[in-house]
N, C-alpha and C. Protein backbone atom coordinates (compact mmCIF):
# COMPACT_ATOMS: atom_id res chain seq x y z
N UNK A 1 7.18 76.84 88.56
CA UNK A 1 6.35 75.65 88.65
C UNK A 1 6.90 74.50 87.83
N UNK A 2 7.37 74.79 86.63
CA UNK A 2 7.83 73.73 85.74
C UNK A 2 8.87 74.30 84.78
N UNK A 3 9.45 73.41 84.00
CA UNK A 3 10.41 73.85 82.98
C UNK A 3 10.31 72.94 81.76
N UNK A 4 10.81 73.48 80.66
CA UNK A 4 10.92 72.72 79.42
C UNK A 4 12.32 72.98 78.89
N UNK A 5 13.07 71.91 78.65
CA UNK A 5 14.44 72.02 78.17
C UNK A 5 14.53 71.29 76.83
N UNK A 6 15.18 71.94 75.84
CA UNK A 6 15.28 71.29 74.53
C UNK A 6 16.73 70.92 74.21
N UNK A 7 16.90 70.16 73.14
CA UNK A 7 18.21 69.63 72.76
C UNK A 7 19.23 70.71 72.42
N UNK A 8 18.76 71.91 72.09
CA UNK A 8 19.68 73.02 71.81
C UNK A 8 20.19 73.67 73.10
N UNK A 9 19.75 73.16 74.24
CA UNK A 9 20.20 73.69 75.52
C UNK A 9 19.40 74.87 76.03
N UNK A 10 18.25 75.12 75.45
CA UNK A 10 17.40 76.23 75.88
C UNK A 10 16.43 75.72 76.93
N UNK A 11 16.41 76.39 78.08
CA UNK A 11 15.52 76.03 79.17
C UNK A 11 14.50 77.15 79.35
N UNK A 12 13.22 76.79 79.31
CA UNK A 12 12.15 77.78 79.50
C UNK A 12 11.39 77.42 80.77
N UNK A 13 11.32 78.38 81.67
CA UNK A 13 10.58 78.17 82.92
C UNK A 13 9.11 78.47 82.71
N UNK A 14 8.27 77.68 83.35
CA UNK A 14 6.82 77.85 83.26
C UNK A 14 6.33 78.34 84.62
N UNK A 15 5.80 79.55 84.67
CA UNK A 15 5.41 80.11 85.96
C UNK A 15 3.90 80.18 86.15
N UNK A 16 3.14 79.92 85.13
CA UNK A 16 1.69 79.96 85.25
C UNK A 16 1.15 78.57 85.54
N UNK A 17 -0.09 78.52 85.94
CA UNK A 17 -0.73 77.24 86.19
C UNK A 17 -0.74 76.41 84.92
N UNK A 18 -0.55 75.13 85.10
CA UNK A 18 -0.57 74.21 83.98
C UNK A 18 -1.93 73.55 83.92
N UNK A 19 -2.42 73.34 82.73
CA UNK A 19 -3.72 72.70 82.59
C UNK A 19 -3.81 72.11 81.18
N UNK A 20 -3.55 70.83 81.06
CA UNK A 20 -3.67 70.23 79.75
C UNK A 20 -2.94 68.92 79.63
N UNK A 21 -2.99 68.39 78.43
CA UNK A 21 -2.37 67.12 78.11
C UNK A 21 -0.87 67.30 77.95
N UNK A 22 -0.12 66.33 78.46
CA UNK A 22 1.32 66.33 78.29
C UNK A 22 1.61 65.52 77.03
N UNK A 23 2.20 66.17 76.03
CA UNK A 23 2.49 65.50 74.78
C UNK A 23 3.98 65.32 74.58
N UNK A 24 4.33 64.33 73.81
CA UNK A 24 5.74 64.06 73.54
C UNK A 24 6.23 64.99 72.44
N UNK A 25 7.39 65.62 72.68
CA UNK A 25 8.06 66.45 71.70
C UNK A 25 9.48 65.91 71.57
N UNK A 26 9.89 65.50 70.40
CA UNK A 26 11.25 64.98 70.25
C UNK A 26 12.30 66.00 70.68
N UNK A 27 13.25 65.54 71.49
CA UNK A 27 14.34 66.39 71.93
C UNK A 27 13.98 67.39 73.02
N UNK A 28 12.81 67.24 73.63
CA UNK A 28 12.37 68.18 74.67
C UNK A 28 12.10 67.41 75.96
N UNK A 29 12.56 67.95 77.08
CA UNK A 29 12.33 67.38 78.40
C UNK A 29 11.48 68.35 79.20
N UNK A 30 10.47 67.82 79.88
CA UNK A 30 9.56 68.61 80.70
C UNK A 30 9.72 68.16 82.14
N UNK A 31 9.71 69.10 83.07
CA UNK A 31 9.83 68.75 84.48
C UNK A 31 9.03 69.67 85.36
N UNK A 32 8.66 69.15 86.52
CA UNK A 32 7.95 69.93 87.54
C UNK A 32 8.94 70.26 88.65
N UNK A 33 8.83 71.43 89.22
CA UNK A 33 9.79 71.89 90.23
C UNK A 33 9.26 71.65 91.64
N UNK A 34 9.98 70.82 92.38
CA UNK A 34 9.65 70.51 93.77
C UNK A 34 10.90 70.66 94.60
N UNK A 35 10.74 70.82 95.90
CA UNK A 35 11.85 70.77 96.84
C UNK A 35 11.40 69.80 97.93
N UNK A 36 11.82 68.53 97.82
CA UNK A 36 11.42 67.56 98.82
C UNK A 36 12.08 67.90 100.14
N UNK A 37 11.32 67.80 101.21
CA UNK A 37 11.84 68.13 102.53
C UNK A 37 11.91 69.63 102.77
N UNK A 38 11.16 70.40 102.01
CA UNK A 38 11.11 71.85 102.18
C UNK A 38 10.64 72.17 103.60
N UNK A 39 11.47 72.81 104.41
CA UNK A 39 11.07 73.07 105.80
C UNK A 39 9.87 74.01 105.91
N UNK A 40 9.62 74.82 104.90
CA UNK A 40 8.50 75.75 104.95
C UNK A 40 7.24 75.19 104.31
N UNK A 41 7.34 73.95 103.76
CA UNK A 41 6.20 73.28 103.15
C UNK A 41 5.55 74.11 102.04
N UNK A 42 6.36 74.85 101.29
CA UNK A 42 5.84 75.66 100.20
C UNK A 42 6.06 75.02 98.85
N UNK A 43 7.13 74.22 98.70
CA UNK A 43 7.44 73.65 97.39
C UNK A 43 7.68 72.14 97.46
N UNK A 44 7.15 71.49 98.51
CA UNK A 44 7.35 70.05 98.62
C UNK A 44 6.29 69.26 97.87
N UNK A 45 5.26 69.94 97.38
CA UNK A 45 4.22 69.34 96.54
C UNK A 45 3.90 70.33 95.42
N UNK A 46 3.27 69.85 94.38
CA UNK A 46 2.79 70.68 93.29
C UNK A 46 1.34 71.00 93.62
N UNK A 47 1.14 72.11 94.35
CA UNK A 47 -0.16 72.43 94.91
C UNK A 47 -1.17 72.88 93.86
N UNK A 48 -2.44 72.54 94.10
CA UNK A 48 -3.58 72.91 93.26
C UNK A 48 -3.49 72.36 91.84
N UNK A 49 -2.73 71.32 91.65
CA UNK A 49 -2.62 70.66 90.36
C UNK A 49 -2.69 69.14 90.56
N UNK A 50 -3.35 68.50 89.64
CA UNK A 50 -3.54 67.06 89.67
C UNK A 50 -2.76 66.43 88.52
N UNK A 51 -2.03 65.35 88.82
CA UNK A 51 -1.37 64.58 87.77
C UNK A 51 -2.31 63.45 87.40
N UNK A 52 -2.53 63.27 86.11
CA UNK A 52 -3.43 62.20 85.67
C UNK A 52 -2.74 61.28 84.70
N UNK A 53 -3.18 60.05 84.70
CA UNK A 53 -2.62 59.07 83.80
C UNK A 53 -2.94 57.68 84.28
N UNK A 54 -2.04 56.74 84.04
CA UNK A 54 -2.24 55.35 84.43
C UNK A 54 -2.09 55.22 85.94
N UNK A 55 -3.18 54.83 86.61
CA UNK A 55 -3.21 54.70 88.07
C UNK A 55 -2.84 53.26 88.44
N UNK A 56 -1.89 53.10 89.37
CA UNK A 56 -1.52 51.75 89.79
C UNK A 56 -1.96 51.42 91.20
N UNK A 57 -2.41 52.39 91.98
CA UNK A 57 -2.94 52.15 93.33
C UNK A 57 -3.68 53.40 93.77
N UNK A 58 -4.59 53.23 94.72
CA UNK A 58 -5.29 54.39 95.27
C UNK A 58 -5.76 54.07 96.68
N UNK A 59 -6.00 55.12 97.45
CA UNK A 59 -6.48 54.97 98.81
C UNK A 59 -7.35 56.17 99.16
N UNK A 60 -8.44 55.90 99.86
CA UNK A 60 -9.30 56.97 100.34
C UNK A 60 -9.03 57.17 101.83
N UNK A 61 -9.37 58.33 102.31
CA UNK A 61 -9.22 58.67 103.73
C UNK A 61 -7.76 58.55 104.20
N UNK A 62 -6.92 59.31 103.53
CA UNK A 62 -5.49 59.36 103.85
C UNK A 62 -5.07 60.82 103.87
N UNK A 63 -4.14 61.18 104.74
CA UNK A 63 -3.67 62.57 104.77
C UNK A 63 -2.60 62.77 103.70
N UNK A 64 -2.43 64.02 103.27
CA UNK A 64 -1.49 64.34 102.20
C UNK A 64 -0.09 63.81 102.47
N UNK A 65 0.40 63.97 103.68
CA UNK A 65 1.77 63.56 103.99
C UNK A 65 1.99 62.06 103.87
N UNK A 66 0.92 61.26 103.94
CA UNK A 66 1.04 59.80 103.83
C UNK A 66 0.97 59.31 102.38
N UNK A 67 0.51 60.14 101.48
CA UNK A 67 0.30 59.73 100.09
C UNK A 67 1.59 59.28 99.39
N UNK A 68 2.70 60.03 99.46
CA UNK A 68 3.92 59.55 98.78
C UNK A 68 4.40 58.20 99.29
N UNK A 69 4.35 57.98 100.60
CA UNK A 69 4.78 56.70 101.17
C UNK A 69 3.86 55.57 100.74
N UNK A 70 2.56 55.83 100.71
CA UNK A 70 1.60 54.83 100.24
C UNK A 70 1.95 54.40 98.82
N UNK A 71 2.18 55.36 97.94
CA UNK A 71 2.50 55.04 96.54
C UNK A 71 3.83 54.32 96.41
N UNK A 72 4.80 54.71 97.22
CA UNK A 72 6.10 54.04 97.19
C UNK A 72 5.95 52.56 97.59
N UNK A 73 5.13 52.32 98.61
CA UNK A 73 4.94 50.95 99.10
C UNK A 73 4.13 50.08 98.15
N UNK A 74 3.36 50.69 97.27
CA UNK A 74 2.49 49.94 96.36
C UNK A 74 2.99 50.01 94.91
N UNK A 75 4.30 50.12 94.73
CA UNK A 75 4.87 50.18 93.39
C UNK A 75 4.45 48.95 92.58
N UNK A 76 4.41 49.12 91.29
CA UNK A 76 4.06 47.99 90.42
C UNK A 76 5.18 46.96 90.41
N UNK A 77 4.86 45.78 89.93
CA UNK A 77 5.85 44.70 89.86
C UNK A 77 7.05 45.11 89.02
N UNK A 78 6.83 45.87 87.94
CA UNK A 78 7.93 46.32 87.08
C UNK A 78 8.91 47.19 87.87
N UNK A 79 8.39 48.09 88.68
CA UNK A 79 9.25 48.96 89.47
C UNK A 79 9.96 48.19 90.57
N UNK A 80 9.29 47.23 91.18
CA UNK A 80 9.94 46.41 92.21
C UNK A 80 11.08 45.61 91.60
N UNK A 81 10.87 45.07 90.40
CA UNK A 81 11.90 44.31 89.71
C UNK A 81 13.10 45.21 89.41
N UNK A 82 12.86 46.42 88.93
CA UNK A 82 13.95 47.36 88.63
C UNK A 82 14.75 47.67 89.89
N UNK A 83 14.04 47.81 91.02
CA UNK A 83 14.71 48.11 92.29
C UNK A 83 15.58 46.94 92.71
N UNK A 84 15.07 45.70 92.59
CA UNK A 84 15.83 44.52 92.98
C UNK A 84 17.07 44.33 92.11
N UNK A 85 16.95 44.60 90.81
CA UNK A 85 18.06 44.40 89.89
C UNK A 85 19.15 45.47 90.03
N UNK A 86 18.81 46.60 90.62
CA UNK A 86 19.80 47.67 90.75
C UNK A 86 20.95 47.22 91.63
N UNK A 87 20.65 46.44 92.68
CA UNK A 87 21.69 45.88 93.55
C UNK A 87 22.51 46.93 94.28
N UNK A 88 23.52 46.50 94.98
CA UNK A 88 24.48 47.28 95.77
C UNK A 88 23.94 48.59 96.35
N UNK A 89 22.76 48.54 96.93
CA UNK A 89 22.23 49.69 97.65
C UNK A 89 21.61 50.77 96.79
N UNK A 90 21.79 50.69 95.48
CA UNK A 90 21.21 51.69 94.60
C UNK A 90 19.79 51.29 94.24
N UNK A 91 18.91 52.24 94.24
CA UNK A 91 17.52 51.97 93.93
C UNK A 91 17.16 52.66 92.63
N UNK A 92 16.65 51.88 91.68
CA UNK A 92 16.17 52.44 90.42
C UNK A 92 14.66 52.37 90.42
N UNK A 93 14.01 53.50 90.34
CA UNK A 93 12.56 53.55 90.32
C UNK A 93 12.15 54.31 89.07
N UNK A 94 11.22 53.74 88.32
CA UNK A 94 10.68 54.47 87.18
C UNK A 94 9.95 55.70 87.69
N UNK A 95 9.64 56.60 86.80
CA UNK A 95 8.99 57.85 87.20
C UNK A 95 7.58 57.58 87.70
N UNK A 96 7.42 57.65 89.00
CA UNK A 96 6.12 57.44 89.63
C UNK A 96 5.67 58.73 90.28
N UNK A 97 4.41 59.04 90.12
CA UNK A 97 3.86 60.25 90.72
C UNK A 97 2.68 59.93 91.60
N UNK A 98 2.19 60.95 92.28
CA UNK A 98 1.00 60.79 93.11
C UNK A 98 0.19 62.07 93.04
N UNK A 99 -1.10 61.92 93.27
CA UNK A 99 -2.02 63.05 93.36
C UNK A 99 -2.93 62.81 94.55
N UNK A 100 -3.07 63.81 95.37
CA UNK A 100 -3.95 63.76 96.53
C UNK A 100 -4.98 64.86 96.38
N UNK A 101 -6.23 64.57 96.74
CA UNK A 101 -7.29 65.58 96.69
C UNK A 101 -8.10 65.52 97.97
N UNK A 102 -8.37 66.68 98.53
CA UNK A 102 -9.12 66.80 99.78
C UNK A 102 -10.49 66.16 99.66
N UNK A 103 -10.92 65.47 100.72
CA UNK A 103 -12.26 64.87 100.77
C UNK A 103 -13.32 65.92 101.06
N UNK A 104 -12.88 67.06 101.55
CA UNK A 104 -13.82 68.11 101.93
C UNK A 104 -14.06 69.04 100.74
N UNK A 105 -15.07 69.87 100.85
CA UNK A 105 -15.42 70.80 99.77
C UNK A 105 -14.59 72.07 99.82
N UNK A 106 -13.49 72.04 100.55
CA UNK A 106 -12.63 73.22 100.66
C UNK A 106 -11.34 72.99 99.89
N UNK A 107 -10.53 74.03 99.80
CA UNK A 107 -9.22 73.93 99.16
C UNK A 107 -8.14 73.64 100.18
N UNK A 108 -8.53 73.13 101.35
CA UNK A 108 -7.60 72.89 102.45
C UNK A 108 -6.76 71.65 102.18
N UNK A 109 -5.51 71.70 102.63
CA UNK A 109 -4.62 70.55 102.51
C UNK A 109 -4.50 69.81 103.84
N UNK A 110 -5.31 70.22 104.82
CA UNK A 110 -5.38 69.52 106.10
C UNK A 110 -6.53 68.53 106.03
N UNK A 111 -6.46 67.49 106.81
CA UNK A 111 -7.54 66.52 106.84
C UNK A 111 -7.33 65.38 105.87
N UNK A 112 -8.38 64.63 105.67
CA UNK A 112 -8.32 63.42 104.86
C UNK A 112 -8.61 63.71 103.39
N UNK A 113 -8.12 62.81 102.56
CA UNK A 113 -8.36 62.94 101.13
C UNK A 113 -8.14 61.62 100.42
N UNK A 114 -8.17 61.68 99.11
CA UNK A 114 -7.96 60.50 98.26
C UNK A 114 -6.59 60.61 97.61
N UNK A 115 -5.85 59.53 97.66
CA UNK A 115 -4.51 59.45 97.07
C UNK A 115 -4.56 58.51 95.87
N UNK A 116 -4.06 58.99 94.72
CA UNK A 116 -3.95 58.15 93.53
C UNK A 116 -2.49 58.12 93.09
N UNK A 117 -2.00 56.95 92.81
CA UNK A 117 -0.60 56.75 92.41
C UNK A 117 -0.55 56.63 90.89
N UNK A 118 0.25 57.50 90.27
CA UNK A 118 0.29 57.61 88.81
C UNK A 118 1.59 57.01 88.29
N UNK A 119 1.44 56.05 87.36
CA UNK A 119 2.61 55.38 86.80
C UNK A 119 3.06 56.02 85.48
N UNK A 120 2.12 56.46 84.67
CA UNK A 120 2.43 57.10 83.40
C UNK A 120 1.65 58.41 83.35
N UNK A 121 2.35 59.52 83.19
CA UNK A 121 1.73 60.84 83.19
C UNK A 121 1.09 61.14 81.84
N UNK A 122 -0.20 61.49 81.86
CA UNK A 122 -0.91 61.86 80.64
C UNK A 122 -1.31 63.33 80.63
N UNK A 123 -1.58 63.89 81.80
CA UNK A 123 -2.00 65.28 81.84
C UNK A 123 -1.70 65.91 83.20
N UNK A 124 -1.68 67.23 83.19
CA UNK A 124 -1.60 68.04 84.40
C UNK A 124 -2.83 68.92 84.38
N UNK A 125 -3.58 68.91 85.47
CA UNK A 125 -4.86 69.61 85.50
C UNK A 125 -4.93 70.52 86.72
N UNK A 126 -5.34 71.76 86.51
CA UNK A 126 -5.57 72.70 87.59
C UNK A 126 -6.78 72.20 88.36
N UNK A 127 -6.61 71.93 89.66
CA UNK A 127 -7.68 71.39 90.49
C UNK A 127 -7.44 71.83 91.93
N UNK A 128 -8.12 72.88 92.35
CA UNK A 128 -7.91 73.41 93.70
C UNK A 128 -8.22 72.36 94.75
N UNK A 129 -7.40 72.33 95.78
CA UNK A 129 -7.54 71.33 96.84
C UNK A 129 -6.77 70.05 96.54
N UNK A 130 -5.99 70.05 95.45
CA UNK A 130 -5.16 68.91 95.09
C UNK A 130 -3.69 69.24 95.31
N UNK A 131 -2.91 68.22 95.51
CA UNK A 131 -1.45 68.37 95.59
C UNK A 131 -0.85 67.14 94.95
N UNK A 132 0.25 67.32 94.21
CA UNK A 132 0.88 66.21 93.49
C UNK A 132 2.39 66.25 93.68
N UNK A 133 3.03 65.17 93.27
CA UNK A 133 4.48 65.13 93.35
C UNK A 133 5.01 63.86 92.72
N UNK A 134 6.32 63.71 92.76
CA UNK A 134 6.98 62.52 92.25
C UNK A 134 7.73 61.85 93.38
N UNK A 135 7.86 60.54 93.29
CA UNK A 135 8.60 59.77 94.30
C UNK A 135 10.08 59.83 93.98
C-alpha cells in the first residue's frame, strides 16, 4: 500500500490500512503505491482510503474515472504557473491528489460520487467506498 524510505537507505513497506495524520520526519520520504493504467483496475487507485488536506476544487455527481481529470483541469494558479515555466514540453506539477467517495450508502466504486482535489496532504483516513490517487 505504501512505503517509508529514510536517509540511511532503509525502505519499509506498509501493507496494512493507513489511518492517521501524515507528519513530517526529517530525512524520511513517504509514498503511496499506485499503478496508473493498471489493466486489471486493482492498483490504479488507493481504494478505501481518503486523502485529506487543503482542497483546491471539488465536484459532486462525478464518476471515479473522471475525478483525476477534473482535478488536473482545475489546478491552482501556482501549479499552472509551474507548468508554463517548465517549457519545452516538460510539465512540472506539484504533488496534487484526489479523493472520490461514493454518493451511495454502499462501498461500491460504480456510480456517482464526490471528488475533492487535494493540494497539500494532511492525513490518510480509512473510509470504505473511497478511492484516492495522485496526478
